[in-house]
Amino acid sequence: MLPLARSSGMLRPMPTHPRPYHHGNLRDALLDAAERLLERKGAGALALRAIARAAHVTHTAAYHHFDDREALLRALAARGFDRFAAALASAGQRAPPERGFLEVGVAYVRFAAEHPALFRLMFGAEVARGRRADDALGAASDRALGVLLDGVRASAPGLDEAAVRRRAAAAWAIVHGLSGLLLDGQLAALGLGSEDPERVAREILSGEPT
């Protein structure tokens, strides 16, 4: 029975605290809230208490899934790398064989342009420090790298593995550097804006105007 309080001679139910909201998958709900907060306010805003508030749960509930802020950042980056790897692989598979590796590079830049804060988090020093200590993060980032390595093998059959890795490193440096320049608006000095990053990426990576 609800407790009662007297007001103006009448009895009314006293307010009670609402029952905690139970998510079907609290871990995913916390990561969704973290990504929204990341895109709006940047990585500096990703405190567990703030994320729990955004997910409408108590901060103690958040600690049931993540030991600390760093663990949550690694999980968010791992989820980002899963999506990133899928986007790269899909772009390569949809393209004709002779353009597959180019389209992987374009997809790399497109992902960065569409998810700038998540992209910076994924490749930032804070996440990198814990990559090899976190199995899920290490596996997800390795899948993305694997797409790049497979692209080199397909575009230049017959290379030994050492040469494949060197060529992949060169390609990675180009697309990652291009992504950073676009995100920071640095290509404006060359008359290349960021309004259509996919077109800019395709022109630069192919060496041909589109």
C-alpha atoms as a PDB file:
ATOM      1  CA  MET A   1       0.000   0.000   0.000  1.00  0.00           C
ATOM      2  CA  LEU A   2       1.304   3.501  -0.843  1.00  0.00           C
ATOM      3  CA  PRO A   3       2.139   5.765   2.119  1.00  0.00           C
ATOM      4  CA  LEU A   4      -0.325   8.627   2.534  1.00  0.00           C
ATOM      5  CA  ALA A   5       0.175  12.306   3.321  1.00  0.00           C
ATOM      6  CA  ARG A   6      -2.411  14.841   4.490  1.00  0.00           C
ATOM      7  CA  SER A   7      -2.930  17.978   2.390  1.00  0.00           C
ATOM      8  CA  SER A   8      -5.800  20.467   2.932  1.00  0.00           C
ATOM      9  CA  GLY A   9      -7.650  17.916   4.982  1.00  0.00           C
ATOM     10  CA  MET A  10      -7.445  15.220   2.321  1.00  0.00           C
ATOM     11  CA  LEU A  11      -5.271  12.145   2.052  1.00  0.00           C
ATOM     12  CA  ARG A  12      -3.117  11.738  -1.044  1.00  0.00           C
ATOM     13  CA  PRO A  13      -0.447   9.185  -2.001  1.00  0.00           C
ATOM     14  CA  MET A  14       3.083  10.256  -1.135  1.00  0.00           C
ATOM     15  CA  PRO A  15       5.531  10.314  -4.060  1.00  0.00           C
ATOM     16  CA  THR A  16       7.752   7.277  -4.311  1.00  0.00           C
ATOM     17  CA  HIS A  17      11.035   6.790  -6.166  1.00  0.00           C
ATOM     18  CA  PRO A  18      10.544   5.293  -9.634  1.00  0.00           C
ATOM     19  CA  ARG A  19      11.709   1.771 -10.110  1.00  0.00           C
ATOM     20  CA  PRO A  20      15.063   1.444 -11.890  1.00  0.00           C
ATOM     21  CA  TYR A  21      14.732   1.070 -15.623  1.00  0.00           C
ATOM     22  CA  HIS A  22      15.982  -2.319 -16.824  1.00  0.00           C
ATOM     23  CA  HIS A  23      17.464  -2.328 -20.325  1.00  0.00           C
ATOM     24  CA  GLY A  24      17.267  -5.433 -22.436  1.00  0.00           C
ATOM     25  CA  ASN A  25      20.970  -4.938 -23.124  1.00  0.00           C
ATOM     26  CA  LEU A  26      22.437  -2.377 -20.784  1.00  0.00           C
ATOM     27  CA  ARG A  27      25.953  -2.688 -22.174  1.00  0.00           C
ATOM     28  CA  ASP A  28      24.828  -1.696 -25.674  1.00  0.00           C
ATOM     29  CA  ALA A  29      22.638   1.068 -24.260  1.00  0.00           C
ATOM     30  CA  LEU A  30      25.640   2.522 -22.436  1.00  0.00           C
ATOM     31  CA  LEU A  31      27.777   2.344 -25.582  1.00  0.00           C
ATOM     32  CA  ASP A  32      25.008   4.005 -27.616  1.00  0.00           C
ATOM     33  CA  ALA A  33      24.804   6.808 -25.055  1.00  0.00           C
ATOM     34  CA  ALA A  34      28.593   7.132 -25.011  1.00  0.00           C
ATOM     35  CA  GLU A  35      28.749   7.459 -28.792  1.00  0.00           C
ATOM     36  CA  ARG A  36      26.042  10.137 -28.838  1.00  0.00           C
ATOM     37  CA  LEU A  37      27.878  12.045 -26.124  1.00  0.00           C
ATOM     38  CA  LEU A  38      31.192  11.602 -27.953  1.00  0.00           C
ATOM     39  CA  GLU A  39      29.813  13.063 -31.189  1.00  0.00           C
ATOM     40  CA  ARG A  40      28.224  16.027 -29.383  1.00  0.00           C
ATOM     41  CA  LYS A  41      30.894  16.924 -26.839  1.00  0.00           C
ATOM     42  CA  GLY A  42      34.075  14.992 -27.579  1.00  0.00           C
ATOM     43  CA  ALA A  43      36.035  12.370 -25.683  1.00  0.00           C
ATOM     44  CA  GLY A  44      36.601  14.672 -22.706  1.00  0.00           C
ATOM     45  CA  ALA A  45      32.912  14.377 -21.843  1.00  0.00           C
ATOM     46  CA  LEU A  46      33.006  10.587 -21.583  1.00  0.00           C
ATOM     47  CA  ALA A  47      32.812  10.060 -17.842  1.00  0.00           C
ATOM     48  CA  LEU A  48      30.958   6.970 -16.649  1.00  0.00           C
ATOM     49  CA  ARG A  49      28.557   9.042 -14.549  1.00  0.00           C
ATOM     50  CA  ALA A  50      27.666  11.257 -17.516  1.00  0.00           C
ATOM     51  CA  ILE A  51      27.164   8.233 -19.761  1.00  0.00           C
ATOM     52  CA  ALA A  52      24.982   6.514 -17.155  1.00  0.00           C
ATOM     53  CA  ARG A  53      22.828   9.642 -16.891  1.00  0.00           C
ATOM     54  CA  ALA A  54      22.486   9.780 -20.667  1.00  0.00           C
ATOM     55  CA  ALA A  55      21.422   6.113 -20.679  1.00  0.00           C
ATOM     56  CA  HIS A  56      18.963   6.796 -17.792  1.00  0.00           C
ATOM     57  CA  VAL A  57      20.576   4.332 -15.398  1.00  0.00           C
ATOM     58  CA  THR A  58      22.551   4.690 -12.187  1.00  0.00           C
ATOM     59  CA  HIS A  59      26.315   4.988 -12.351  1.00  0.00           C
ATOM     60  CA  THR A  60      26.605   1.803 -10.277  1.00  0.00           C
ATOM     61  CA  ALA A  61      24.795  -0.056 -13.066  1.00  0.00           C
ATOM     62  CA  ALA A  62      27.428   1.190 -15.520  1.00  0.00           C
ATOM     63  CA  TYR A  63      30.195  -0.244 -13.334  1.00  0.00           C
ATOM     64  CA  HIS A  64      28.636  -3.697 -13.686  1.00  0.00           C
ATOM     65  CA  HIS A  65      29.739  -3.637 -17.336  1.00  0.00           C
ATOM     66  CA  PHE A  66      32.836  -1.424 -17.373  1.00  0.00           C
ATOM     67  CA  ASP A  67      35.506  -1.304 -14.694  1.00  0.00           C
ATOM     68  CA  ASP A  68      36.423   2.287 -15.507  1.00  0.00           C
ATOM     69  CA  ARG A  69      36.319   4.971 -18.177  1.00  0.00           C
ATOM     70  CA  GLU A  70      39.221   3.453 -20.083  1.00  0.00           C
ATOM     71  CA  ALA A  71      37.420   0.116 -20.365  1.00  0.00           C
ATOM     72  CA  LEU A  72      34.371   1.850 -21.803  1.00  0.00           C
ATOM     73  CA  LEU A  73      36.489   3.795 -24.311  1.00  0.00           C
ATOM     74  CA  ARG A  74      38.126   0.572 -25.479  1.00  0.00           C
ATOM     75  CA  ALA A  75      34.727  -1.098 -25.899  1.00  0.00           C
ATOM     76  CA  LEU A  76      33.432   1.891 -27.848  1.00  0.00           C
ATOM     77  CA  ALA A  77      36.522   1.842 -30.077  1.00  0.00           C
ATOM     78  CA  ALA A  78      36.161  -1.928 -30.622  1.00  0.00           C
ATOM     79  CA  ARG A  79      32.576  -1.451 -31.768  1.00  0.00           C
ATOM     80  CA  GLY A  80      33.783   1.328 -34.064  1.00  0.00           C
ATOM     81  CA  PHE A  81      36.477  -0.911 -35.566  1.00  0.00           C
ATOM     82  CA  ASP A  82      33.880  -3.634 -36.212  1.00  0.00           C
ATOM     83  CA  ARG A  83      31.766  -1.186 -38.223  1.00  0.00           C
ATOM     84  CA  PHE A  84      34.867   0.237 -39.885  1.00  0.00           C
ATOM     85  CA  ALA A  85      36.106  -3.191 -41.015  1.00  0.00           C
ATOM     86  CA  ALA A  86      32.652  -4.052 -42.369  1.00  0.00           C
ATOM     87  CA  ALA A  87      32.495  -0.767 -44.321  1.00  0.00           C
ATOM     88  CA  LEU A  88      35.951  -1.301 -45.837  1.00  0.00           C
ATOM     89  CA  ALA A  89      35.225  -4.909 -46.800  1.00  0.00           C
ATOM     90  CA  SER A  90      31.858  -4.055 -48.314  1.00  0.00           C
ATOM     91  CA  ALA A  91      33.346  -1.256 -50.440  1.00  0.00           C
ATOM     92  CA  GLY A  92      36.041  -3.545 -51.801  1.00  0.00           C
ATOM     93  CA  GLN A  93      33.612  -6.361 -52.566  1.00  0.00           C
ATOM     94  CA  ARG A  94      31.130  -4.137 -54.401  1.00  0.00           C
ATOM     95  CA  ALA A  95      33.759  -2.650 -56.735  1.00  0.00           C
ATOM     96  CA  PRO A  96      35.186  -4.242 -59.900  1.00  0.00           C
ATOM     97  CA  PRO A  97      38.427  -6.115 -59.103  1.00  0.00           C
ATOM     98  CA  GLU A  98      40.623  -3.464 -60.683  1.00  0.00           C
ATOM     99  CA  ARG A  99      39.088  -0.748 -58.488  1.00  0.00           C
ATOM    100  CA  GLY A 100      38.562  -2.712 -55.279  1.00  0.00           C
ATOM    101  CA  PHE A 101      41.612  -1.407 -53.437  1.00  0.00           C
ATOM    102  CA  LEU A 102      40.835   2.190 -54.443  1.00  0.00           C
ATOM    103  CA  GLU A 103      37.289   1.860 -53.094  1.00  0.00           C
ATOM    104  CA  VAL A 104      38.612   0.508 -49.800  1.00  0.00           C
ATOM    105  CA  GLY A 105      40.640   3.718 -49.495  1.00  0.00           C
ATOM    106  CA  VAL A 106      37.626   5.871 -50.348  1.00  0.00           C
ATOM    107  CA  ALA A 107      35.555   4.000 -47.747  1.00  0.00           C
ATOM    108  CA  TYR A 108      38.278   4.689 -45.162  1.00  0.00           C
ATOM    109  CA  VAL A 109      38.005   8.440 -45.749  1.00  0.00           C
ATOM    110  CA  ARG A 110      34.196   8.284 -45.903  1.00  0.00           C
ATOM    111  CA  PHE A 111      34.019   6.594 -42.497  1.00  0.00           C
ATOM    112  CA  ALA A 112      36.277   9.262 -40.989  1.00  0.00           C
ATOM    113  CA  ALA A 113      34.122  12.031 -42.455  1.00  0.00           C
ATOM    114  CA  GLU A 114      30.864  10.468 -41.251  1.00  0.00           C
ATOM    115  CA  HIS A 115      32.106   9.608 -37.733  1.00  0.00           C
ATOM    116  CA  PRO A 116      34.867  12.118 -36.959  1.00  0.00           C
ATOM    117  CA  ALA A 117      34.839  11.892 -33.163  1.00  0.00           C
ATOM    118  CA  LEU A 118      34.630   8.096 -33.151  1.00  0.00           C
ATOM    119  CA  PHE A 119      37.392   7.888 -35.782  1.00  0.00           C
ATOM    120  CA  ARG A 120      39.700  10.063 -33.674  1.00  0.00           C
ATOM    121  CA  LEU A 121      38.926   7.985 -30.587  1.00  0.00           C
ATOM    122  CA  MET A 122      39.633   4.708 -32.397  1.00  0.00           C
ATOM    123  CA  PHE A 123      43.072   5.850 -33.507  1.00  0.00           C
ATOM    124  CA  GLY A 124      43.892   8.009 -30.490  1.00  0.00           C
ATOM    125  CA  ALA A 125      46.690   7.389 -28.016  1.00  0.00           C
ATOM    126  CA  GLU A 126      44.322   6.719 -25.103  1.00  0.00           C
ATOM    127  CA  VAL A 127      42.783   3.704 -26.837  1.00  0.00           C
ATOM    128  CA  ALA A 128      46.059   2.573 -28.437  1.00  0.00           C
ATOM    129  CA  ARG A 129      47.680   2.133 -25.023  1.00  0.00           C
ATOM    130  CA  GLY A 130      45.186  -0.578 -24.120  1.00  0.00           C
ATOM    131  CA  ARG A 131      44.799  -2.245 -27.512  1.00  0.00           C
ATOM    132  CA  ARG A 132      46.918  -5.330 -26.903  1.00  0.00           C
ATOM    133  CA  ALA A 133      45.590  -5.786 -23.386  1.00  0.00           C
ATOM    134  CA  ASP A 134      41.999  -5.896 -24.661  1.00  0.00           C
ATOM    135  CA  ASP A 135      41.177  -8.971 -26.733  1.00  0.00           C
ATOM    136  CA  ALA A 136      37.991  -7.575 -28.277  1.00  0.00           C
ATOM    137  CA  LEU A 137      39.648  -4.317 -29.287  1.00  0.00           C
ATOM    138  CA  GLY A 138      42.730  -6.074 -30.649  1.00  0.00           C
ATOM    139  CA  ALA A 139      40.621  -8.484 -32.712  1.00  0.00           C
ATOM    140  CA  ALA A 140      38.400  -5.722 -34.103  1.00  0.00           C
ATOM    141  CA  SER A 141      41.325  -3.505 -35.130  1.00  0.00           C
ATOM    142  CA  ASP A 142      43.094  -6.527 -36.655  1.00  0.00           C
ATOM    143  CA  ARG A 143      40.007  -7.211 -38.799  1.00  0.00           C
ATOM    144  CA  ALA A 144      40.175  -3.697 -40.220  1.00  0.00           C
ATOM    145  CA  LEU A 145      43.887  -4.063 -40.897  1.00  0.00           C
ATOM    146  CA  GLY A 146      43.204  -7.439 -42.499  1.00  0.00           C
ATOM    147  CA  VAL A 147      40.939  -5.797 -45.090  1.00  0.00           C
ATOM    148  CA  LEU A 148      43.789  -3.479 -46.025  1.00  0.00           C
ATOM    149  CA  LEU A 149      46.280  -6.347 -46.278  1.00  0.00           C
ATOM    150  CA  ASP A 150      43.868  -8.410 -48.384  1.00  0.00           C
ATOM    151  CA  GLY A 151      43.401  -5.414 -50.670  1.00  0.00           C
ATOM    152  CA  VAL A 152      47.128  -5.228 -51.291  1.00  0.00           C
ATOM    153  CA  ARG A 153      47.314  -8.974 -51.990  1.00  0.00           C
ATOM    154  CA  ALA A 154      44.443  -8.747 -54.469  1.00  0.00           C
ATOM    155  CA  SER A 155      45.830  -5.671 -56.235  1.00  0.00           C
ATOM    156  CA  ALA A 156      49.397  -6.983 -56.474  1.00  0.00           C
ATOM    157  CA  PRO A 157      49.395 -10.790 -56.557  1.00  0.00           C
ATOM    158  CA  GLY A 158      52.752 -12.455 -56.157  1.00  0.00           C
ATOM    159  CA  LEU A 159      54.159 -10.088 -53.529  1.00  0.00           C
ATOM    160  CA  ASP A 160      55.800 -11.754 -50.549  1.00  0.00           C
ATOM    161  CA  GLU A 161      54.333 -10.961 -47.147  1.00  0.00           C
ATOM    162  CA  ALA A 162      57.049  -8.476 -46.216  1.00  0.00           C
ATOM    163  CA  ALA A 163      56.307  -6.499 -49.387  1.00  0.00           C
ATOM    164  CA  VAL A 164      52.557  -6.750 -48.740  1.00  0.00           C
ATOM    165  CA  ARG A 165      53.003  -5.209 -45.292  1.00  0.00           C
ATOM    166  CA  ARG A 166      55.222  -2.421 -46.609  1.00  0.00           C
ATOM    167  CA  ARG A 167      52.722  -1.544 -49.318  1.00  0.00           C
ATOM    168  CA  ALA A 168      49.842  -1.727 -46.830  1.00  0.00           C
ATOM    169  CA  ALA A 169      51.701   0.616 -44.485  1.00  0.00           C
ATOM    170  CA  ALA A 170      52.207   3.107 -47.312  1.00  0.00           C
ATOM    171  CA  ALA A 171      48.539   2.927 -48.337  1.00  0.00           C
ATOM    172  CA  TRP A 172      47.436   3.264 -44.711  1.00  0.00           C
ATOM    173  CA  ALA A 173      49.622   6.331 -44.219  1.00  0.00           C
ATOM    174  CA  ILE A 174      48.088   7.960 -47.295  1.00  0.00           C
ATOM    175  CA  VAL A 175      44.423   7.359 -46.461  1.00  0.00           C
ATOM    176  CA  HIS A 176      44.830   8.085 -42.761  1.00  0.00           C
ATOM    177  CA  GLY A 177      46.751  11.270 -43.457  1.00  0.00           C
ATOM    178  CA  LEU A 178      44.165  12.326 -46.027  1.00  0.00           C
ATOM    179  CA  SER A 179      41.385  11.660 -43.520  1.00  0.00           C
ATOM    180  CA  GLY A 180      43.079  13.829 -40.904  1.00  0.00           C
ATOM    181  CA  LEU A 181      43.695  16.670 -43.365  1.00  0.00           C
ATOM    182  CA  LEU A 182      40.062  16.620 -44.438  1.00  0.00           C
ATOM    183  CA  LEU A 183      38.731  16.528 -40.877  1.00  0.00           C
ATOM    184  CA  ASP A 184      40.936  19.465 -39.908  1.00  0.00           C
ATOM    185  CA  GLY A 185      40.114  21.512 -43.006  1.00  0.00           C
ATOM    186  CA  GLN A 186      43.759  21.636 -44.042  1.00  0.00           C
ATOM    187  CA  LEU A 187      43.174  20.888 -47.727  1.00  0.00           C
ATOM    188  CA  ALA A 188      41.486  24.259 -48.191  1.00  0.00           C
ATOM    189  CA  ALA A 189      44.967  25.663 -48.842  1.00  0.00           C
ATOM    190  CA  LEU A 190      44.977  23.595 -52.047  1.00  0.00           C
ATOM    191  CA  GLY A 191      41.453  24.602 -52.989  1.00  0.00           C
ATOM    192  CA  LEU A 192      40.035  21.268 -51.850  1.00  0.00           C
ATOM    193  CA  GLY A 193      37.126  21.618 -49.469  1.00  0.00           C
ATOM    194  CA  SER A 194      35.556  19.067 -47.163  1.00  0.00           C
ATOM    195  CA  GLU A 195      32.006  19.439 -48.525  1.00  0.00           C
ATOM    196  CA  ASP A 196      32.357  16.217 -50.539  1.00  0.00           C
ATOM    197  CA  PRO A 197      35.119  14.155 -48.885  1.00  0.00           C
ATOM    198  CA  GLU A 198      34.302  11.069 -50.944  1.00  0.00           C
ATOM    199  CA  ARG A 199      34.873  12.910 -54.220  1.00  0.00           C
ATOM    200  CA  VAL A 200      38.085  14.480 -52.911  1.00  0.00           C
ATOM    201  CA  ALA A 201      39.325  11.084 -51.720  1.00  0.00           C
ATOM    202  CA  ARG A 202      38.574   9.409 -55.029  1.00  0.00           C
ATOM    203  CA  GLU A 203      40.336  12.156 -56.998  1.00  0.00           C
ATOM    204  CA  ILE A 204      43.443  12.157 -54.809  1.00  0.00           C
ATOM    205  CA  LEU A 205      43.738   8.394 -54.466  1.00  0.00           C
ATOM    206  CA  SER A 206      43.140   7.702 -58.164  1.00  0.00           C
ATOM    207  CA  GLY A 207      45.073  10.709 -59.434  1.00  0.00           C
ATOM    208  CA  GLU A 208      42.188  11.454 -61.789  1.00  0.00           C
ATOM    209  CA  PRO A 209      39.505  14.178 -61.666  1.00  0.00           C
ATOM    210  CA  THR A 210      35.961  12.906 -61.151  1.00  0.00           C
END
